[in-house]
């Protein structure tokens, strides 16, 4: 639970620190070639939601999320990486199964 709270607090900060890209002429898809050609940055993907059909295939269950332990949180400007769970006696995990 604490990890979830930390991630929710960090998310707005990450959106400010990330590179500026969008869909207009100054930062849109026509500029992605220059940003992404070195392999160090991702290209933005425009998902047209009007063509999508919503369907849930997985049922997730969260286990041992009430366990507390030391972790290292790293912000790379686009996402948060969390390491340290391998040292925990009881590790949190997510299980799923395909819904029928």
PDB file of N, CA and C in Angstrom:
ATOM      1  N   UNK A   1       0.820  -1.191   0.000  1.00  0.00           N
ATOM      2  CA  UNK A   1       0.000   0.000   0.000  1.00  0.00           C
ATOM      3  C   UNK A   1       0.866   1.258   0.000  1.00  0.00           C
ATOM      4  N   UNK A   2       1.953   1.217   0.813  1.00  0.00           N
ATOM      5  CA  UNK A   2       2.830   2.385   0.868  1.00  0.00           C
ATOM      6  C   UNK A   2       3.495   2.628  -0.484  1.00  0.00           C
ATOM      7  N   UNK A   3       3.872   1.552  -1.158  1.00  0.00           N
ATOM      8  CA  UNK A   3       4.488   1.681  -2.474  1.00  0.00           C
ATOM      9  C   UNK A   3       3.525   2.341  -3.448  1.00  0.00           C
ATOM     10  N   UNK A   4       2.272   1.956  -3.406  1.00  0.00           N
ATOM     11  CA  UNK A   4       1.266   2.548  -4.280  1.00  0.00           C
ATOM     12  C   UNK A   4       1.121   4.041  -4.005  1.00  0.00           C
ATOM     13  N   UNK A   5       1.115   4.428  -2.745  1.00  0.00           N
ATOM     14  CA  UNK A   5       1.005   5.843  -2.376  1.00  0.00           C
ATOM     15  C   UNK A   5       2.214   6.623  -2.893  1.00  0.00           C
ATOM     16  N   UNK A   6       3.403   6.053  -2.745  1.00  0.00           N
ATOM     17  CA  UNK A   6       4.617   6.716  -3.224  1.00  0.00           C
ATOM     18  C   UNK A   6       4.551   6.916  -4.733  1.00  0.00           C
ATOM     19  N   UNK A   7       4.130   5.890  -5.459  1.00  0.00           N
ATOM     20  CA  UNK A   7       4.047   5.997  -6.915  1.00  0.00           C
ATOM     21  C   UNK A   7       3.014   7.025  -7.340  1.00  0.00           C
ATOM     22  N   UNK A   8       1.892   7.100  -6.627  1.00  0.00           N
ATOM     23  CA  UNK A   8       0.870   8.086  -6.963  1.00  0.00           C
ATOM     24  C   UNK A   8       1.361   9.510  -6.716  1.00  0.00           C
ATOM     25  N   UNK A   9       2.207   9.686  -5.720  1.00  0.00           N
ATOM     26  CA  UNK A   9       2.776  11.003  -5.445  1.00  0.00           C
ATOM     27  C   UNK A   9       3.815  11.364  -6.513  1.00  0.00           C
ATOM     28  N   UNK A  10       4.603  10.389  -6.954  1.00  0.00           N
ATOM     29  CA  UNK A  10       5.663  10.648  -7.921  1.00  0.00           C
ATOM     30  C   UNK A  10       5.148  10.860  -9.339  1.00  0.00           C
ATOM     31  N   UNK A  11       3.987  10.318  -9.686  1.00  0.00           N
ATOM     32  CA  UNK A  11       3.493  10.385 -11.062  1.00  0.00           C
ATOM     33  C   UNK A  11       3.380  11.812 -11.591  1.00  0.00           C
ATOM     34  N   UNK A  12       2.773  12.761 -10.852  1.00  0.00           N
ATOM     35  CA  UNK A  12       2.708  14.134 -11.379  1.00  0.00           C
ATOM     36  C   UNK A  12       4.087  14.766 -11.566  1.00  0.00           C
ATOM     37  N   UNK A  13       5.008  14.433 -10.697  1.00  0.00           N
ATOM     38  CA  UNK A  13       6.367  14.965 -10.816  1.00  0.00           C
ATOM     39  C   UNK A  13       7.020  14.436 -12.087  1.00  0.00           C
ATOM     40  N   UNK A  14       6.815  13.158 -12.381  1.00  0.00           N
ATOM     41  CA  UNK A  14       7.407  12.556 -13.576  1.00  0.00           C
ATOM     42  C   UNK A  14       6.886  13.195 -14.850  1.00  0.00           C
ATOM     43  N   UNK A  15       5.612  13.541 -14.861  1.00  0.00           N
ATOM     44  CA  UNK A  15       5.050  14.139 -16.071  1.00  0.00           C
ATOM     45  C   UNK A  15       5.665  15.510 -16.341  1.00  0.00           C
ATOM     46  N   UNK A  16       6.096  16.195 -15.303  1.00  0.00           N
ATOM     47  CA  UNK A  16       6.754  17.491 -15.472  1.00  0.00           C
ATOM     48  C   UNK A  16       8.192  17.303 -15.948  1.00  0.00           C
ATOM     49  N   UNK A  17       8.875  16.279 -15.445  1.00  0.00           N
ATOM     50  CA  UNK A  17      10.281  16.067 -15.754  1.00  0.00           C
ATOM     51  C   UNK A  17      10.517  15.406 -17.107  1.00  0.00           C
ATOM     52  N   UNK A  18       9.525  14.769 -17.692  1.00  0.00           N
ATOM     53  CA  UNK A  18       9.690  14.058 -18.955  1.00  0.00           C
ATOM     54  C   UNK A  18       9.912  15.000 -20.123  1.00  0.00           C
ATOM     55  N   UNK A  19      10.438  14.440 -21.222  1.00  0.00           N
ATOM     56  CA  UNK A  19      10.643  15.233 -22.434  1.00  0.00           C
ATOM     57  C   UNK A  19       9.319  15.737 -22.967  1.00  0.00           C
ATOM     58  N   UNK A  20       9.367  16.879 -23.650  1.00  0.00           N
ATOM     59  CA  UNK A  20       8.170  17.515 -24.192  1.00  0.00           C
ATOM     60  C   UNK A  20       7.894  16.987 -25.592  1.00  0.00           C
ATOM     61  N   UNK A  21       6.804  16.257 -25.760  1.00  0.00           N
ATOM     62  CA  UNK A  21       6.366  15.821 -27.078  1.00  0.00           C
ATOM     63  C   UNK A  21       4.857  15.858 -27.116  1.00  0.00           C
ATOM     64  N   UNK A  22       4.309  15.928 -28.304  1.00  0.00           N
ATOM     65  CA  UNK A  22       2.862  16.016 -28.449  1.00  0.00           C
ATOM     66  C   UNK A  22       2.455  15.731 -29.876  1.00  0.00           C
ATOM     67  N   UNK A  23       1.462  16.462 -30.363  1.00  0.00           N
ATOM     68  CA  UNK A  23       0.947  16.209 -31.706  1.00  0.00           C
ATOM     69  C   UNK A  23       0.850  17.478 -32.549  1.00  0.00           C
ATOM     70  N   UNK A  24       1.492  18.559 -32.127  1.00  0.00           N
ATOM     71  CA  UNK A  24       1.477  19.754 -32.972  1.00  0.00           C
ATOM     72  C   UNK A  24       2.770  19.817 -33.797  1.00  0.00           C
ATOM     73  N   UNK A  25       2.941  20.866 -34.620  1.00  0.00           N
ATOM     74  CA  UNK A  25       4.070  20.891 -35.560  1.00  0.00           C
ATOM     75  C   UNK A  25       5.428  21.049 -34.879  1.00  0.00           C
ATOM     76  N   UNK A  26       5.465  21.630 -33.680  1.00  0.00           N
ATOM     77  CA  UNK A  26       6.744  21.851 -32.998  1.00  0.00           C
ATOM     78  C   UNK A  26       7.252  20.633 -32.240  1.00  0.00           C
ATOM     79  N   UNK A  27       6.354  19.761 -31.815  1.00  0.00           N
ATOM     80  CA  UNK A  27       6.791  18.596 -31.048  1.00  0.00           C
ATOM     81  C   UNK A  27       6.010  17.335 -31.428  1.00  0.00           C
ATOM     82  N   UNK A  28       5.415  17.318 -32.597  1.00  0.00           N
ATOM     83  CA  UNK A  28       4.573  16.211 -33.029  1.00  0.00           C
ATOM     84  C   UNK A  28       5.323  15.088 -33.713  1.00  0.00           C
ATOM     85  N   UNK A  29       4.574  14.179 -34.339  1.00  0.00           N
ATOM     86  CA  UNK A  29       5.173  13.007 -34.981  1.00  0.00           C
ATOM     87  C   UNK A  29       6.223  13.347 -36.037  1.00  0.00           C
ATOM     88  N   UNK A  30       6.086  14.496 -36.689  1.00  0.00           N
ATOM     89  CA  UNK A  30       7.085  14.867 -37.701  1.00  0.00           C
ATOM     90  C   UNK A  30       8.454  15.144 -37.086  1.00  0.00           C
ATOM     91  N   UNK A  31       8.538  15.322 -35.783  1.00  0.00           N
ATOM     92  CA  UNK A  31       9.824  15.562 -35.116  1.00  0.00           C
ATOM     93  C   UNK A  31      10.378  14.305 -34.456  1.00  0.00           C
ATOM     94  N   UNK A  32       9.627  13.217 -34.464  1.00  0.00           N
ATOM     95  CA  UNK A  32      10.046  11.996 -33.762  1.00  0.00           C
ATOM     96  C   UNK A  32      11.292  11.357 -34.355  1.00  0.00           C
ATOM     97  N   UNK A  33      11.461  11.468 -35.672  1.00  0.00           N
ATOM     98  CA  UNK A  33      12.638  10.869 -36.296  1.00  0.00           C
ATOM     99  C   UNK A  33      13.925  11.348 -35.665  1.00  0.00           C
ATOM    100  N   UNK A  34      14.008  12.628 -35.390  1.00  0.00           N
ATOM    101  CA  UNK A  34      15.199  13.176 -34.759  1.00  0.00           C
ATOM    102  C   UNK A  34      15.338  12.767 -33.305  1.00  0.00           C
ATOM    103  N   UNK A  35      14.224  12.615 -32.620  1.00  0.00           N
ATOM    104  CA  UNK A  35      14.263  12.248 -31.205  1.00  0.00           C
ATOM    105  C   UNK A  35      14.607  10.780 -30.997  1.00  0.00           C
ATOM    106  N   UNK A  36      14.113   9.921 -31.872  1.00  0.00           N
ATOM    107  CA  UNK A  36      14.158   8.483 -31.616  1.00  0.00           C
ATOM    108  C   UNK A  36      15.259   7.742 -32.360  1.00  0.00           C
ATOM    109  N   UNK A  37      15.958   8.396 -33.281  1.00  0.00           N
ATOM    110  CA  UNK A  37      16.909   7.678 -34.129  1.00  0.00           C
ATOM    111  C   UNK A  37      18.112   7.131 -33.369  1.00  0.00           C
ATOM    112  N   UNK A  38      18.423   7.680 -32.200  1.00  0.00           N
ATOM    113  CA  UNK A  38      19.571   7.193 -31.435  1.00  0.00           C
ATOM    114  C   UNK A  38      19.220   6.000 -30.563  1.00  0.00           C
ATOM    115  N   UNK A  39      17.935   5.695 -30.427  1.00  0.00           N
ATOM    116  CA  UNK A  39      17.521   4.571 -29.598  1.00  0.00           C
ATOM    117  C   UNK A  39      17.465   4.890 -28.119  1.00  0.00           C
ATOM    118  N   UNK A  40      17.616   6.156 -27.757  1.00  0.00           N
ATOM    119  CA  UNK A  40      17.609   6.541 -26.346  1.00  0.00           C
ATOM    120  C   UNK A  40      16.282   7.125 -25.898  1.00  0.00           C
ATOM    121  N   UNK A  41      15.355   7.335 -26.829  1.00  0.00           N
ATOM    122  CA  UNK A  41      14.051   7.901 -26.485  1.00  0.00           C
ATOM    123  C   UNK A  41      12.967   7.121 -27.208  1.00  0.00           C
ATOM    124  N   UNK A  42      11.802   7.026 -26.591  1.00  0.00           N
ATOM    125  CA  UNK A  42      10.675   6.350 -27.216  1.00  0.00           C
ATOM    126  C   UNK A  42       9.928   7.308 -28.122  1.00  0.00           C
ATOM    127  N   UNK A  43       9.282   6.755 -29.135  1.00  0.00           N
ATOM    128  CA  UNK A  43       8.404   7.578 -29.960  1.00  0.00           C
ATOM    129  C   UNK A  43       6.998   7.522 -29.377  1.00  0.00           C
ATOM    130  N   UNK A  44       6.269   8.627 -29.413  1.00  0.00           N
ATOM    131  CA  UNK A  44       4.886   8.600 -28.934  1.00  0.00           C
ATOM    132  C   UNK A  44       4.013   7.831 -29.926  1.00  0.00           C
ATOM    133  N   UNK A  45       3.017   7.140 -29.419  1.00  0.00           N
ATOM    134  CA  UNK A  45       2.108   6.360 -30.248  1.00  0.00           C
ATOM    135  C   UNK A  45       0.726   6.966 -30.127  1.00  0.00           C
ATOM    136  N   UNK A  46       0.103   7.272 -31.252  1.00  0.00           N
ATOM    137  CA  UNK A  46      -1.242   7.843 -31.273  1.00  0.00           C
ATOM    138  C   UNK A  46      -2.248   6.703 -31.386  1.00  0.00           C
ATOM    139  N   UNK A  47      -2.929   6.377 -30.301  1.00  0.00           N
ATOM    140  CA  UNK A  47      -3.940   5.324 -30.293  1.00  0.00           C
ATOM    141  C   UNK A  47      -5.290   5.978 -30.522  1.00  0.00           C
ATOM    142  N   UNK A  48      -5.942   5.616 -31.602  1.00  0.00           N
ATOM    143  CA  UNK A  48      -7.251   6.175 -31.934  1.00  0.00           C
ATOM    144  C   UNK A  48      -8.301   5.377 -31.159  1.00  0.00           C
ATOM    145  N   UNK A  49      -8.816   5.966 -30.086  1.00  0.00           N
ATOM    146  CA  UNK A  49      -9.712   5.235 -29.185  1.00  0.00           C
ATOM    147  C   UNK A  49     -11.089   4.975 -29.766  1.00  0.00           C
ATOM    148  N   UNK A  50     -11.511   5.732 -30.765  1.00  0.00           N
ATOM    149  CA  UNK A  50     -12.845   5.502 -31.323  1.00  0.00           C
ATOM    150  C   UNK A  50     -12.928   4.162 -32.050  1.00  0.00           C
ATOM    151  N   UNK A  51     -11.791   3.586 -32.427  1.00  0.00           N
ATOM    152  CA  UNK A  51     -11.768   2.296 -33.114  1.00  0.00           C
ATOM    153  C   UNK A  51     -11.575   1.117 -32.163  1.00  0.00           C
ATOM    154  N   UNK A  52     -11.469   1.381 -30.876  1.00  0.00           N
ATOM    155  CA  UNK A  52     -11.198   0.321 -29.908  1.00  0.00           C
ATOM    156  C   UNK A  52     -12.477  -0.239 -29.308  1.00  0.00           C
ATOM    157  N   UNK A  53     -12.424  -1.516 -28.966  1.00  0.00           N
ATOM    158  CA  UNK A  53     -13.507  -2.154 -28.228  1.00  0.00           C
ATOM    159  C   UNK A  53     -12.941  -2.552 -26.873  1.00  0.00           C
ATOM    160  N   UNK A  54     -13.598  -2.122 -25.812  1.00  0.00           N
ATOM    161  CA  UNK A  54     -13.116  -2.420 -24.469  1.00  0.00           C
ATOM    162  C   UNK A  54     -13.507  -3.838 -24.085  1.00  0.00           C
ATOM    163  N   UNK A  55     -12.526  -4.591 -23.617  1.00  0.00           N
ATOM    164  CA  UNK A  55     -12.786  -5.953 -23.187  1.00  0.00           C
ATOM    165  C   UNK A  55     -11.737  -6.324 -22.148  1.00  0.00           C
ATOM    166  N   UNK A  56     -12.153  -6.885 -21.058  1.00  0.00           N
ATOM    167  CA  UNK A  56     -11.238  -7.275 -19.988  1.00  0.00           C
ATOM    168  C   UNK A  56     -10.986  -8.777 -20.073  1.00  0.00           C
ATOM    169  N   UNK A  57      -9.725  -9.145 -20.210  1.00  0.00           N
ATOM    170  CA  UNK A  57      -9.370 -10.552 -20.309  1.00  0.00           C
ATOM    171  C   UNK A  57      -8.767 -11.105 -19.023  1.00  0.00           C
ATOM    172  N   UNK A  58      -8.215 -10.230 -18.194  1.00  0.00           N
ATOM    173  CA  UNK A  58      -7.523 -10.703 -17.001  1.00  0.00           C
ATOM    174  C   UNK A  58      -8.254 -10.288 -15.731  1.00  0.00           C
ATOM    175  N   UNK A  59      -8.217 -11.161 -14.769  1.00  0.00           N
ATOM    176  CA  UNK A  59      -8.690 -10.826 -13.430  1.00  0.00           C
ATOM    177  C   UNK A  59      -7.450 -10.819 -12.541  1.00  0.00           C
ATOM    178  N   UNK A  60      -7.106  -9.660 -12.025  1.00  0.00           N
ATOM    179  CA  UNK A  60      -5.899  -9.513 -11.225  1.00  0.00           C
ATOM    180  C   UNK A  60      -6.205  -9.621  -9.745  1.00  0.00           C
ATOM    181  N   UNK A  61      -5.291 -10.223  -9.006  1.00  0.00           N
ATOM    182  CA  UNK A  61      -5.399 -10.235  -7.549  1.00  0.00           C
ATOM    183  C   UNK A  61      -4.034  -9.849  -6.977  1.00  0.00           C
ATOM    184  N   UNK A  62      -4.053  -8.957  -6.007  1.00  0.00           N
ATOM    185  CA  UNK A  62      -2.843  -8.413  -5.410  1.00  0.00           C
ATOM    186  C   UNK A  62      -2.578  -9.124  -4.086  1.00  0.00           C
ATOM    187  N   UNK A  63      -1.353  -9.626  -3.906  1.00  0.00           N
ATOM    188  CA  UNK A  63      -1.002 -10.400  -2.723  1.00  0.00           C
ATOM    189  C   UNK A  63       0.176  -9.756  -1.995  1.00  0.00           C
ATOM    190  N   UNK A  64       0.086  -9.729  -0.674  1.00  0.00           N
ATOM    191  CA  UNK A  64       1.151  -9.243   0.218  1.00  0.00           C
ATOM    192  C   UNK A  64       1.528  -7.784  -0.035  1.00  0.00           C
ATOM    193  N   UNK A  65       0.564  -6.968  -0.420  1.00  0.00           N
ATOM    194  CA  UNK A  65       0.823  -5.543  -0.619  1.00  0.00           C
ATOM    195  C   UNK A  65       0.809  -4.773   0.699  1.00  0.00           C
ATOM    196  N   UNK A  66       0.503  -5.438   1.800  1.00  0.00           N
ATOM    197  CA  UNK A  66       0.560  -4.796   3.111  1.00  0.00           C
ATOM    198  C   UNK A  66       1.924  -4.999   3.771  1.00  0.00           C
ATOM    199  N   UNK A  67       2.828  -5.723   3.122  1.00  0.00           N
ATOM    200  CA  UNK A  67       4.163  -5.981   3.652  1.00  0.00           C
ATOM    201  C   UNK A  67       5.042  -4.756   3.393  1.00  0.00           C
ATOM    202  N   UNK A  68       5.857  -4.391   4.383  1.00  0.00           N
ATOM    203  CA  UNK A  68       6.717  -3.212   4.277  1.00  0.00           C
ATOM    204  C   UNK A  68       8.175  -3.654   4.274  1.00  0.00           C
ATOM    205  N   UNK A  69       9.001  -3.003   3.463  1.00  0.00           N
ATOM    206  CA  UNK A  69      10.421  -3.310   3.421  1.00  0.00           C
ATOM    207  C   UNK A  69      11.166  -2.248   2.636  1.00  0.00           C
ATOM    208  N   UNK A  70      12.504  -2.314   2.649  1.00  0.00           N
ATOM    209  CA  UNK A  70      13.298  -1.301   1.950  1.00  0.00           C
ATOM    210  C   UNK A  70      13.289  -1.523   0.437  1.00  0.00           C
ATOM    211  N   UNK A  71      13.157  -0.443  -0.312  1.00  0.00           N
ATOM    212  CA  UNK A  71      13.246  -0.477  -1.771  1.00  0.00           C
ATOM    213  C   UNK A  71      14.024   0.746  -2.240  1.00  0.00           C
ATOM    214  N   UNK A  72      14.512   0.684  -3.464  1.00  0.00           N
ATOM    215  CA  UNK A  72      15.150   1.838  -4.087  1.00  0.00           C
ATOM    216  C   UNK A  72      14.271   2.273  -5.251  1.00  0.00           C
ATOM    217  N   UNK A  73      13.894   3.550  -5.259  1.00  0.00           N
ATOM    218  CA  UNK A  73      13.044   4.106  -6.307  1.00  0.00           C
ATOM    219  C   UNK A  73      13.905   5.022  -7.172  1.00  0.00           C
ATOM    220  N   UNK A  74      13.914   4.771  -8.492  1.00  0.00           N
ATOM    221  CA  UNK A  74      14.719   5.551  -9.428  1.00  0.00           C
ATOM    222  C   UNK A  74      13.800   6.189 -10.460  1.00  0.00           C
ATOM    223  N   UNK A  75      13.945   7.488 -10.653  1.00  0.00           N
ATOM    224  CA  UNK A  75      13.168   8.240 -11.633  1.00  0.00           C
ATOM    225  C   UNK A  75      14.076   8.546 -12.817  1.00  0.00           C
ATOM    226  N   UNK A  76      13.715   8.044 -14.013  1.00  0.00           N
ATOM    227  CA  UNK A  76      14.533   8.330 -15.189  1.00  0.00           C
ATOM    228  C   UNK A  76      13.943   9.433 -16.060  1.00  0.00           C
ATOM    229  N   UNK A  77      12.920  10.115 -15.582  1.00  0.00           N
ATOM    230  CA  UNK A  77      12.297  11.189 -16.336  1.00  0.00           C
ATOM    231  C   UNK A  77      11.041  10.777 -17.072  1.00  0.00           C
ATOM    232  N   UNK A  78      10.847   9.484 -17.267  1.00  0.00           N
ATOM    233  CA  UNK A  78       9.655   8.986 -17.958  1.00  0.00           C
ATOM    234  C   UNK A  78       8.909   7.939 -17.153  1.00  0.00           C
ATOM    235  N   UNK A  79       9.612   7.241 -16.297  1.00  0.00           N
ATOM    236  CA  UNK A  79       8.984   6.179 -15.522  1.00  0.00           C
ATOM    237  C   UNK A  79       9.723   6.032 -14.201  1.00  0.00           C
ATOM    238  N   UNK A  80       9.139   5.288 -13.306  1.00  0.00           N
ATOM    239  CA  UNK A  80       9.756   5.023 -12.010  1.00  0.00           C
ATOM    240  C   UNK A  80      10.144   3.554 -11.964  1.00  0.00           C
ATOM    241  N   UNK A  81      11.382   3.283 -11.598  1.00  0.00           N
ATOM    242  CA  UNK A  81      11.833   1.910 -11.401  1.00  0.00           C
ATOM    243  C   UNK A  81      11.973   1.649  -9.914  1.00  0.00           C
ATOM    244  N   UNK A  82      11.505   0.496  -9.468  1.00  0.00           N
ATOM    245  CA  UNK A  82      11.578   0.135  -8.056  1.00  0.00           C
ATOM    246  C   UNK A  82      12.309  -1.197  -7.947  1.00  0.00           C
ATOM    247  N   UNK A  83      13.387  -1.231  -7.162  1.00  0.00           N
ATOM    248  CA  UNK A  83      14.136  -2.469  -6.943  1.00  0.00           C
ATOM    249  C   UNK A  83      14.277  -2.715  -5.449  1.00  0.00           C
ATOM    250  N   UNK A  84      14.645  -3.937  -5.094  1.00  0.00           N
ATOM    251  CA  UNK A  84      14.876  -4.279  -3.701  1.00  0.00           C
ATOM    252  C   UNK A  84      13.975  -5.371  -3.171  1.00  0.00           C
ATOM    253  N   UNK A  85      12.974  -5.766  -3.942  1.00  0.00           N
ATOM    254  CA  UNK A  85      12.019  -6.768  -3.464  1.00  0.00           C
ATOM    255  C   UNK A  85      12.649  -8.145  -3.271  1.00  0.00           C
ATOM    256  N   UNK A  86      13.740  -8.435  -3.975  1.00  0.00           N
ATOM    257  CA  UNK A  86      14.360  -9.762  -3.877  1.00  0.00           C
ATOM    258  C   UNK A  86      14.904 -10.049  -2.484  1.00  0.00           C
ATOM    259  N   UNK A  87      15.159  -9.009  -1.694  1.00  0.00           N
ATOM    260  CA  UNK A  87      15.693  -9.210  -0.345  1.00  0.00           C
ATOM    261  C   UNK A  87      14.592  -9.419   0.693  1.00  0.00           C
ATOM    262  N   UNK A  88      13.341  -9.219   0.307  1.00  0.00           N
ATOM    263  CA  UNK A  88      12.227  -9.352   1.244  1.00  0.00           C
ATOM    264  C   UNK A  88      11.903 -10.826   1.487  1.00  0.00           C
ATOM    265  N   UNK A  89      11.562 -11.154   2.727  1.00  0.00           N
ATOM    266  CA  UNK A  89      11.126 -12.509   3.052  1.00  0.00           C
ATOM    267  C   UNK A  89       9.770 -12.797   2.428  1.00  0.00           C
ATOM    268  N   UNK A  90       8.850 -11.826   2.493  1.00  0.00           N
ATOM    269  CA  UNK A  90       7.531 -11.950   1.876  1.00  0.00           C
ATOM    270  C   UNK A  90       7.416 -10.872   0.806  1.00  0.00           C
ATOM    271  N   UNK A  91       7.461 -11.276  -0.440  1.00  0.00           N
ATOM    272  CA  UNK A  91       7.432 -10.319  -1.551  1.00  0.00           C
ATOM    273  C   UNK A  91       6.007 -10.097  -2.053  1.00  0.00           C
ATOM    274  N   UNK A  92       5.638  -8.840  -2.341  1.00  0.00           N
ATOM    275  CA  UNK A  92       4.329  -8.592  -2.942  1.00  0.00           C
ATOM    276  C   UNK A  92       4.319  -9.099  -4.387  1.00  0.00           C
ATOM    277  N   UNK A  93       3.148  -9.558  -4.831  1.00  0.00           N
ATOM    278  CA  UNK A  93       3.037 -10.007  -6.213  1.00  0.00           C
ATOM    279  C   UNK A  93       1.603  -9.855  -6.703  1.00  0.00           C
ATOM    280  N   UNK A  94       1.465  -9.866  -8.011  1.00  0.00           N
ATOM    281  CA  UNK A  94       0.160  -9.790  -8.662  1.00  0.00           C
ATOM    282  C   UNK A  94      -0.049 -11.097  -9.405  1.00  0.00           C
ATOM    283  N   UNK A  95      -1.200 -11.711  -9.203  1.00  0.00           N
ATOM    284  CA  UNK A  95      -1.547 -12.942  -9.910  1.00  0.00           C
ATOM    285  C   UNK A  95      -2.706 -12.646 -10.848  1.00  0.00           C
ATOM    286  N   UNK A  96      -2.787 -13.412 -11.912  1.00  0.00           N
ATOM    287  CA  UNK A  96      -3.896 -13.222 -12.840  1.00  0.00           C
ATOM    288  C   UNK A  96      -4.337 -14.557 -13.402  1.00  0.00           C
ATOM    289  N   UNK A  97      -5.506 -14.525 -13.968  1.00  0.00           N
ATOM    290  CA  UNK A  97      -5.990 -15.678 -14.715  1.00  0.00           C
ATOM    291  C   UNK A  97      -6.850 -15.135 -15.845  1.00  0.00           C
ATOM    292  N   UNK A  98      -6.932 -15.877 -16.909  1.00  0.00           N
ATOM    293  CA  UNK A  98      -7.723 -15.448 -18.053  1.00  0.00           C
ATOM    294  C   UNK A  98      -9.191 -15.617 -17.717  1.00  0.00           C
ATOM    295  N   UNK A  99      -9.951 -14.539 -17.891  1.00  0.00           N
ATOM    296  CA  UNK A  99     -11.392 -14.596 -17.621  1.00  0.00           C
ATOM    297  C   UNK A  99     -12.083 -15.367 -18.739  1.00  0.00           C
ATOM    298  N   UNK A 100     -13.080 -16.127 -18.371  1.00  0.00           N
ATOM    299  CA  UNK A 100     -13.802 -16.902 -19.398  1.00  0.00           C
ATOM    300  C   UNK A 100     -15.082 -16.228 -19.806  1.00  0.00           C
TER     301      UNK A 100
END
